[in-house]
Structures are given as C-alpha cells and as structure tokens.
C-alpha cells in the first residue's frame, strides 16, 4: 500500500497496523456557504481511504470516492482534485436494517452492497481507541501536479454506535488497486452524522 500513497505522506498506524476504511454515507444540504439553502444538494457518497500523517498532522488519503451527484463529482474534481466517480446509488432504511448499494457508471463498474443493523447507543469515540483513530480525522491530503495539499474539515465529534454487519459485497477496494477484502471488517460502526464545514486546499 505504501506505493499507492504519495511520497510526502507517512502511513498512520494503530497498534502497529495500517487500516483501510470503506465508508458509505449520505450527504445532506451540501452547498458553498454563499449559496442559499434551497440550492443545496442531497446525495449518497462512499469513500475508500487510508490513514496518514504529514509532519505530525494526522489525516486521510482517499484512493477513490463515489457520489450519486454528477455535479458534486465535477465540483470536487475541479476544486479539490479528488478521485471522484459518478455512481448509481441507493439507500433503504426500514425495519431497523440499512441496505446500501452503489455501482459506478461507465467503463469499469465496481460496486458495493452492504446490509447492517445499527445499535441504538451512540456517543463520541473515546480517545486512544481504534474507533477514535478511524473516525476523528480533520484533514485530508491530496496530490496535485506533483505537489501535496491539505484540506481541513470542522465538525463536532461524531456520535458513533456499534452495528451488526449482515452482508457485504465489495469491489471498490480491489478497484482502487488494493488487495480485496479477505474476511469481515475489523471494525464496524455507524453514526447519525454531524454538520461539517469544509475549507479549501492549502500547500501541505
């Protein structure tokens, strides 16, 4: 995996292990701050990422991102240079079970299907735990034209609860050039979400 991460970044480890995150979620009321709320977008998104640091600043590095909004894909590619792909995506949330599906449009069409049952209890992650290491990240790194840039996000700590994984069919990890999943994920959790503010890139 070291070869897939820009040379200016160091892989971040928890208890000596490197982790890859597969994170499906829903984006709601997404807009630049100067646009009125009625012009905002709601769409599904999934990212494949790993955990890195640069000069002591922890963050994430994205191998790929799927989004159901073509406009969001174009804007993110132009503004942040992130490897977004337009995808057909679906989320069903009923009977206490969440079903989430994604299939990339055009060319290679890797997909994702996941079913899980959220647990009721949720609270901010405890510092020093694997969950905190995976969830509480406030910087992203991207390489553009051979130079490293850093973006920052601001939000309250995520309220996180456990989840029972009922099914997982993934092709996104392998499509990103990583070894395919060889077994169940090491950690599964869910969050009802928080309000997030995203700031522009600056040299890292």
C-alpha atoms as a PDB file:
ATOM      1  CA  UNK A   1       0.000   0.000   0.000  1.00  0.00           C
ATOM      2  CA  UNK A   2       2.965   2.300   0.541  1.00  0.00           C
ATOM      3  CA  UNK A   3       3.359   2.607  -3.261  1.00  0.00           C
ATOM      4  CA  UNK A   4      -0.216   3.922  -3.601  1.00  0.00           C
ATOM      5  CA  UNK A   5       0.313   6.825  -1.187  1.00  0.00           C
ATOM      6  CA  UNK A   6       2.239   9.991  -2.216  1.00  0.00           C
ATOM      7  CA  UNK A   7       5.839  10.009  -1.046  1.00  0.00           C
ATOM      8  CA  UNK A   8       5.310  13.044   1.195  1.00  0.00           C
ATOM      9  CA  UNK A   9       2.836  11.179   3.402  1.00  0.00           C
ATOM     10  CA  UNK A  10       3.524   8.599   6.089  1.00  0.00           C
ATOM     11  CA  UNK A  11       1.100   5.761   6.749  1.00  0.00           C
ATOM     12  CA  UNK A  12      -0.511   6.188  10.138  1.00  0.00           C
ATOM     13  CA  UNK A  13      -0.714   3.061  12.283  1.00  0.00           C
ATOM     14  CA  UNK A  14      -2.775   1.940  15.245  1.00  0.00           C
ATOM     15  CA  UNK A  15      -1.062  -0.684  17.424  1.00  0.00           C
ATOM     16  CA  UNK A  16       1.353  -1.232  14.541  1.00  0.00           C
ATOM     17  CA  UNK A  17      -1.340  -1.913  11.937  1.00  0.00           C
ATOM     18  CA  UNK A  18      -2.282   0.065   8.805  1.00  0.00           C
ATOM     19  CA  UNK A  19      -6.013   0.364   8.102  1.00  0.00           C
ATOM     20  CA  UNK A  20      -8.179   0.899   5.028  1.00  0.00           C
ATOM     21  CA  UNK A  21     -11.614   2.429   5.553  1.00  0.00           C
ATOM     22  CA  UNK A  22     -14.692   1.687   3.432  1.00  0.00           C
ATOM     23  CA  UNK A  23     -17.147   4.434   4.352  1.00  0.00           C
ATOM     24  CA  UNK A  24     -20.659   4.676   2.814  1.00  0.00           C
ATOM     25  CA  UNK A  25     -22.790   7.612   3.941  1.00  0.00           C
ATOM     26  CA  UNK A  26     -25.348  10.237   2.952  1.00  0.00           C
ATOM     27  CA  UNK A  27     -24.597  13.908   2.304  1.00  0.00           C
ATOM     28  CA  UNK A  28     -27.385  16.377   3.074  1.00  0.00           C
ATOM     29  CA  UNK A  29     -27.779  20.094   2.338  1.00  0.00           C
ATOM     30  CA  UNK A  30     -24.354  20.358   0.680  1.00  0.00           C
ATOM     31  CA  UNK A  31     -23.585  23.845  -0.648  1.00  0.00           C
ATOM     32  CA  UNK A  32     -20.981  26.601  -0.679  1.00  0.00           C
ATOM     33  CA  UNK A  33     -21.674  28.964   2.196  1.00  0.00           C
ATOM     34  CA  UNK A  34     -22.610  31.778  -0.246  1.00  0.00           C
ATOM     35  CA  UNK A  35     -25.443  29.764  -1.836  1.00  0.00           C
ATOM     36  CA  UNK A  36     -28.951  29.772  -0.290  1.00  0.00           C
ATOM     37  CA  UNK A  37     -30.107  26.549   1.336  1.00  0.00           C
ATOM     38  CA  UNK A  38     -32.705  25.816  -1.362  1.00  0.00           C
ATOM     39  CA  UNK A  39     -29.818  25.379  -3.829  1.00  0.00           C
ATOM     40  CA  UNK A  40     -28.125  22.682  -1.725  1.00  0.00           C
ATOM     41  CA  UNK A  41     -27.655  19.047  -2.780  1.00  0.00           C
ATOM     42  CA  UNK A  42     -28.524  15.755  -1.098  1.00  0.00           C
ATOM     43  CA  UNK A  43     -26.696  12.674  -2.375  1.00  0.00           C
ATOM     44  CA  UNK A  44     -25.058   9.404  -1.354  1.00  0.00           C
ATOM     45  CA  UNK A  45     -21.298   9.003  -1.229  1.00  0.00           C
ATOM     46  CA  UNK A  46     -18.773   6.263  -0.468  1.00  0.00           C
ATOM     47  CA  UNK A  47     -15.034   6.546   0.001  1.00  0.00           C
ATOM     48  CA  UNK A  48     -12.120   4.127   0.179  1.00  0.00           C
ATOM     49  CA  UNK A  49      -9.361   5.647   2.264  1.00  0.00           C
ATOM     50  CA  UNK A  50      -6.345   5.057   4.413  1.00  0.00           C
ATOM     51  CA  UNK A  51      -4.941   6.914   7.395  1.00  0.00           C
ATOM     52  CA  UNK A  52      -1.825   9.036   7.061  1.00  0.00           C
ATOM     53  CA  UNK A  53       0.096  11.871   8.646  1.00  0.00           C
ATOM     54  CA  UNK A  54       2.413  14.600   7.430  1.00  0.00           C
ATOM     55  CA  UNK A  55       4.804  16.358   9.798  1.00  0.00           C
ATOM     56  CA  UNK A  56       2.730  15.165  12.733  1.00  0.00           C
ATOM     57  CA  UNK A  57      -0.665  16.197  11.291  1.00  0.00           C
ATOM     58  CA  UNK A  58      -2.988  13.165  11.030  1.00  0.00           C
ATOM     59  CA  UNK A  59      -5.468  12.902   8.187  1.00  0.00           C
ATOM     60  CA  UNK A  60      -6.865  10.683   5.474  1.00  0.00           C
ATOM     61  CA  UNK A  61      -5.811   9.893   1.934  1.00  0.00           C
ATOM     62  CA  UNK A  62      -8.585   8.875  -0.469  1.00  0.00           C
ATOM     63  CA  UNK A  63      -8.000   6.108  -3.010  1.00  0.00           C
ATOM     64  CA  UNK A  64     -11.454   6.632  -4.534  1.00  0.00           C
ATOM     65  CA  UNK A  65     -14.780   8.324  -3.882  1.00  0.00           C
ATOM     66  CA  UNK A  66     -18.189   7.506  -5.359  1.00  0.00           C
ATOM     67  CA  UNK A  67     -21.043  10.040  -5.432  1.00  0.00           C
ATOM     68  CA  UNK A  68     -24.565   9.869  -6.819  1.00  0.00           C
ATOM     69  CA  UNK A  69     -24.480  13.528  -7.897  1.00  0.00           C
ATOM     70  CA  UNK A  70     -22.742  14.281 -11.202  1.00  0.00           C
ATOM     71  CA  UNK A  71     -22.486  17.951 -10.205  1.00  0.00           C
ATOM     72  CA  UNK A  72     -20.814  17.070  -6.900  1.00  0.00           C
ATOM     73  CA  UNK A  73     -18.346  14.804  -8.727  1.00  0.00           C
ATOM     74  CA  UNK A  74     -17.353  17.549 -11.175  1.00  0.00           C
ATOM     75  CA  UNK A  75     -17.088  20.196  -8.456  1.00  0.00           C
ATOM     76  CA  UNK A  76     -14.938  18.009  -6.194  1.00  0.00           C
ATOM     77  CA  UNK A  77     -12.622  17.009  -9.031  1.00  0.00           C
ATOM     78  CA  UNK A  78     -12.134  20.620 -10.101  1.00  0.00           C
ATOM     79  CA  UNK A  79     -11.904  22.166  -6.631  1.00  0.00           C
ATOM     80  CA  UNK A  80     -10.015  19.511  -4.698  1.00  0.00           C
ATOM     81  CA  UNK A  81      -8.551  17.217  -7.357  1.00  0.00           C
ATOM     82  CA  UNK A  82     -10.037  14.215  -5.569  1.00  0.00           C
ATOM     83  CA  UNK A  83     -10.609  10.902  -7.433  1.00  0.00           C
ATOM     84  CA  UNK A  84     -14.410  11.074  -7.522  1.00  0.00           C
ATOM     85  CA  UNK A  85     -16.556   8.802  -9.700  1.00  0.00           C
ATOM     86  CA  UNK A  86     -20.200   9.170 -10.630  1.00  0.00           C
ATOM     87  CA  UNK A  87     -22.226   6.208  -9.383  1.00  0.00           C
ATOM     88  CA  UNK A  88     -25.767   4.913  -9.250  1.00  0.00           C
ATOM     89  CA  UNK A  89     -26.514   4.561  -5.540  1.00  0.00           C
ATOM     90  CA  UNK A  90     -29.414   3.521  -3.330  1.00  0.00           C
ATOM     91  CA  UNK A  91     -30.147   3.631   0.399  1.00  0.00           C
ATOM     92  CA  UNK A  92     -33.064   1.815   2.046  1.00  0.00           C
ATOM     93  CA  UNK A  93     -33.609   2.305   5.760  1.00  0.00           C
ATOM     94  CA  UNK A  94     -36.555   0.370   7.121  1.00  0.00           C
ATOM     95  CA  UNK A  95     -37.364  -2.190   9.751  1.00  0.00           C
ATOM     96  CA  UNK A  96     -34.200  -1.380  11.666  1.00  0.00           C
ATOM     97  CA  UNK A  97     -31.944  -2.588   8.824  1.00  0.00           C
ATOM     98  CA  UNK A  98     -29.976  -0.344   6.469  1.00  0.00           C
ATOM     99  CA  UNK A  99     -29.292  -1.517   2.911  1.00  0.00           C
ATOM    100  CA  UNK A 100     -26.844   0.495   0.833  1.00  0.00           C
ATOM    101  CA  UNK A 101     -25.856  -0.195  -2.784  1.00  0.00           C
ATOM    102  CA  UNK A 102     -23.562   1.538  -5.265  1.00  0.00           C
ATOM    103  CA  UNK A 103     -22.465   0.834  -8.827  1.00  0.00           C
ATOM    104  CA  UNK A 104     -20.010   3.087 -10.676  1.00  0.00           C
ATOM    105  CA  UNK A 105     -21.229   4.431 -14.015  1.00  0.00           C
ATOM    106  CA  UNK A 106     -19.323   3.939 -17.289  1.00  0.00           C
ATOM    107  CA  UNK A 107     -16.169   1.950 -18.055  1.00  0.00           C
ATOM    108  CA  UNK A 108     -15.164  -0.266 -15.163  1.00  0.00           C
ATOM    109  CA  UNK A 109     -18.209  -0.624 -12.921  1.00  0.00           C
ATOM    110  CA  UNK A 110     -17.116  -1.763  -9.468  1.00  0.00           C
ATOM    111  CA  UNK A 111     -19.862  -1.800  -6.890  1.00  0.00           C
ATOM    112  CA  UNK A 112     -20.732  -2.143  -3.241  1.00  0.00           C
ATOM    113  CA  UNK A 113     -23.632  -3.746  -1.370  1.00  0.00           C
ATOM    114  CA  UNK A 114     -23.832  -3.616   2.404  1.00  0.00           C
ATOM    115  CA  UNK A 115     -26.544  -4.504   4.937  1.00  0.00           C
ATOM    116  CA  UNK A 116     -26.274  -3.678   8.625  1.00  0.00           C
ATOM    117  CA  UNK A 117     -28.349  -3.230  11.756  1.00  0.00           C
ATOM    118  CA  UNK A 118     -27.434  -0.096  13.765  1.00  0.00           C
ATOM    119  CA  UNK A 119     -27.296  -0.344  17.524  1.00  0.00           C
ATOM    120  CA  UNK A 120     -29.224   2.257  19.477  1.00  0.00           C
ATOM    121  CA  UNK A 121     -26.495   3.629  21.715  1.00  0.00           C
ATOM    122  CA  UNK A 122     -24.182   6.238  20.218  1.00  0.00           C
ATOM    123  CA  UNK A 123     -21.641   8.577  21.785  1.00  0.00           C
ATOM    124  CA  UNK A 124     -18.396  10.345  20.855  1.00  0.00           C
ATOM    125  CA  UNK A 125     -15.483   7.946  20.453  1.00  0.00           C
ATOM    126  CA  UNK A 126     -13.039   7.562  23.313  1.00  0.00           C
ATOM    127  CA  UNK A 127      -9.601   8.968  22.556  1.00  0.00           C
ATOM    128  CA  UNK A 128      -6.972   6.253  22.256  1.00  0.00           C
ATOM    129  CA  UNK A 129      -9.351   3.644  20.817  1.00  0.00           C
ATOM    130  CA  UNK A 130      -9.321   2.207  17.300  1.00  0.00           C
ATOM    131  CA  UNK A 131     -12.717   3.793  16.656  1.00  0.00           C
ATOM    132  CA  UNK A 132     -11.404   7.254  17.523  1.00  0.00           C
ATOM    133  CA  UNK A 133      -8.366   6.655  15.281  1.00  0.00           C
ATOM    134  CA  UNK A 134     -10.613   5.737  12.339  1.00  0.00           C
ATOM    135  CA  UNK A 135     -13.408   8.288  12.784  1.00  0.00           C
ATOM    136  CA  UNK A 136     -11.992  11.520  14.191  1.00  0.00           C
ATOM    137  CA  UNK A 137      -9.949  12.859  11.285  1.00  0.00           C
ATOM    138  CA  UNK A 138      -9.954  16.568  10.479  1.00  0.00           C
ATOM    139  CA  UNK A 139      -7.584  16.802   7.495  1.00  0.00           C
ATOM    140  CA  UNK A 140      -7.407  15.289   4.031  1.00  0.00           C
ATOM    141  CA  UNK A 141      -4.370  15.156   1.791  1.00  0.00           C
ATOM    142  CA  UNK A 142      -4.308  15.195  -1.988  1.00  0.00           C
ATOM    143  CA  UNK A 143      -1.538  15.271  -4.590  1.00  0.00           C
ATOM    144  CA  UNK A 144      -1.990  17.687  -7.485  1.00  0.00           C
ATOM    145  CA  UNK A 145       0.578  18.077 -10.252  1.00  0.00           C
ATOM    146  CA  UNK A 146       3.264  16.511  -8.064  1.00  0.00           C
ATOM    147  CA  UNK A 147       2.614  18.756  -5.038  1.00  0.00           C
ATOM    148  CA  UNK A 148       0.885  17.862  -1.786  1.00  0.00           C
ATOM    149  CA  UNK A 149      -2.075  19.863  -0.496  1.00  0.00           C
ATOM    150  CA  UNK A 150      -4.069  19.677   2.715  1.00  0.00           C
ATOM    151  CA  UNK A 151      -7.765  20.338   3.226  1.00  0.00           C
ATOM    152  CA  UNK A 152      -9.377  20.816   6.621  1.00  0.00           C
ATOM    153  CA  UNK A 153     -12.828  19.990   7.951  1.00  0.00           C
ATOM    154  CA  UNK A 154     -14.505  21.224  11.107  1.00  0.00           C
ATOM    155  CA  UNK A 155     -17.293  19.434  12.981  1.00  0.00           C
ATOM    156  CA  UNK A 156     -18.315  18.268  16.448  1.00  0.00           C
ATOM    157  CA  UNK A 157     -17.150  14.755  17.385  1.00  0.00           C
ATOM    158  CA  UNK A 158     -19.247  12.106  15.640  1.00  0.00           C
ATOM    159  CA  UNK A 159     -21.785  10.297  17.822  1.00  0.00           C
ATOM    160  CA  UNK A 160     -20.900   6.701  16.984  1.00  0.00           C
ATOM    161  CA  UNK A 161     -22.636   3.423  17.752  1.00  0.00           C
ATOM    162  CA  UNK A 162     -21.869  -0.183  17.008  1.00  0.00           C
ATOM    163  CA  UNK A 163     -23.507  -2.042  14.128  1.00  0.00           C
ATOM    164  CA  UNK A 164     -24.162  -5.656  13.252  1.00  0.00           C
ATOM    165  CA  UNK A 165     -22.918  -6.355   9.734  1.00  0.00           C
ATOM    166  CA  UNK A 166     -25.444  -8.572   7.937  1.00  0.00           C
ATOM    167  CA  UNK A 167     -23.872  -8.652   4.494  1.00  0.00           C
ATOM    168  CA  UNK A 168     -21.037  -7.098   2.491  1.00  0.00           C
ATOM    169  CA  UNK A 169     -20.178  -7.440  -1.199  1.00  0.00           C
ATOM    170  CA  UNK A 170     -17.362  -5.068  -2.124  1.00  0.00           C
ATOM    171  CA  UNK A 171     -15.481  -4.414  -5.356  1.00  0.00           C
ATOM    172  CA  UNK A 172     -14.329  -0.855  -4.600  1.00  0.00           C
ATOM    173  CA  UNK A 173     -11.291  -1.778  -2.507  1.00  0.00           C
ATOM    174  CA  UNK A 174      -9.835  -4.005  -5.250  1.00  0.00           C
ATOM    175  CA  UNK A 175     -10.731  -1.406  -7.926  1.00  0.00           C
ATOM    176  CA  UNK A 176      -8.574   1.094  -6.027  1.00  0.00           C
ATOM    177  CA  UNK A 177      -5.549  -1.169  -6.501  1.00  0.00           C
ATOM    178  CA  UNK A 178      -5.643  -2.661  -3.009  1.00  0.00           C
ATOM    179  CA  UNK A 179      -5.889  -6.343  -2.078  1.00  0.00           C
ATOM    180  CA  UNK A 180      -9.567  -7.358  -1.948  1.00  0.00           C
ATOM    181  CA  UNK A 181     -11.167  -7.934   1.435  1.00  0.00           C
ATOM    182  CA  UNK A 182     -10.125 -11.330   2.759  1.00  0.00           C
ATOM    183  CA  UNK A 183     -12.669 -11.505   5.571  1.00  0.00           C
ATOM    184  CA  UNK A 184     -15.098  -9.465   7.645  1.00  0.00           C
ATOM    185  CA  UNK A 185     -14.070  -5.911   8.554  1.00  0.00           C
ATOM    186  CA  UNK A 186     -12.070  -5.458  11.745  1.00  0.00           C
ATOM    187  CA  UNK A 187     -14.379  -2.691  12.943  1.00  0.00           C
ATOM    188  CA  UNK A 188     -17.959  -1.762  12.009  1.00  0.00           C
ATOM    189  CA  UNK A 189     -19.780   1.314  13.301  1.00  0.00           C
ATOM    190  CA  UNK A 190     -22.404   3.862  12.283  1.00  0.00           C
ATOM    191  CA  UNK A 191     -23.240   7.486  13.006  1.00  0.00           C
ATOM    192  CA  UNK A 192     -26.335   9.630  12.593  1.00  0.00           C
ATOM    193  CA  UNK A 193     -23.987  12.342  11.357  1.00  0.00           C
ATOM    194  CA  UNK A 194     -22.974  15.893  12.204  1.00  0.00           C
ATOM    195  CA  UNK A 195     -22.801  19.245  10.438  1.00  0.00           C
ATOM    196  CA  UNK A 196     -19.464  19.560   8.642  1.00  0.00           C
ATOM    197  CA  UNK A 197     -17.692  22.635   7.292  1.00  0.00           C
ATOM    198  CA  UNK A 198     -15.035  22.059   4.610  1.00  0.00           C
ATOM    199  CA  UNK A 199     -12.243  24.550   3.924  1.00  0.00           C
ATOM    200  CA  UNK A 200     -10.205  24.964   0.746  1.00  0.00           C
ATOM    201  CA  UNK A 201      -6.861  23.364  -0.021  1.00  0.00           C
ATOM    202  CA  UNK A 202      -3.561  24.841   1.025  1.00  0.00           C
ATOM    203  CA  UNK A 203       0.009  23.571   0.460  1.00  0.00           C
ATOM    204  CA  UNK A 204       0.846  20.772   2.851  1.00  0.00           C
END
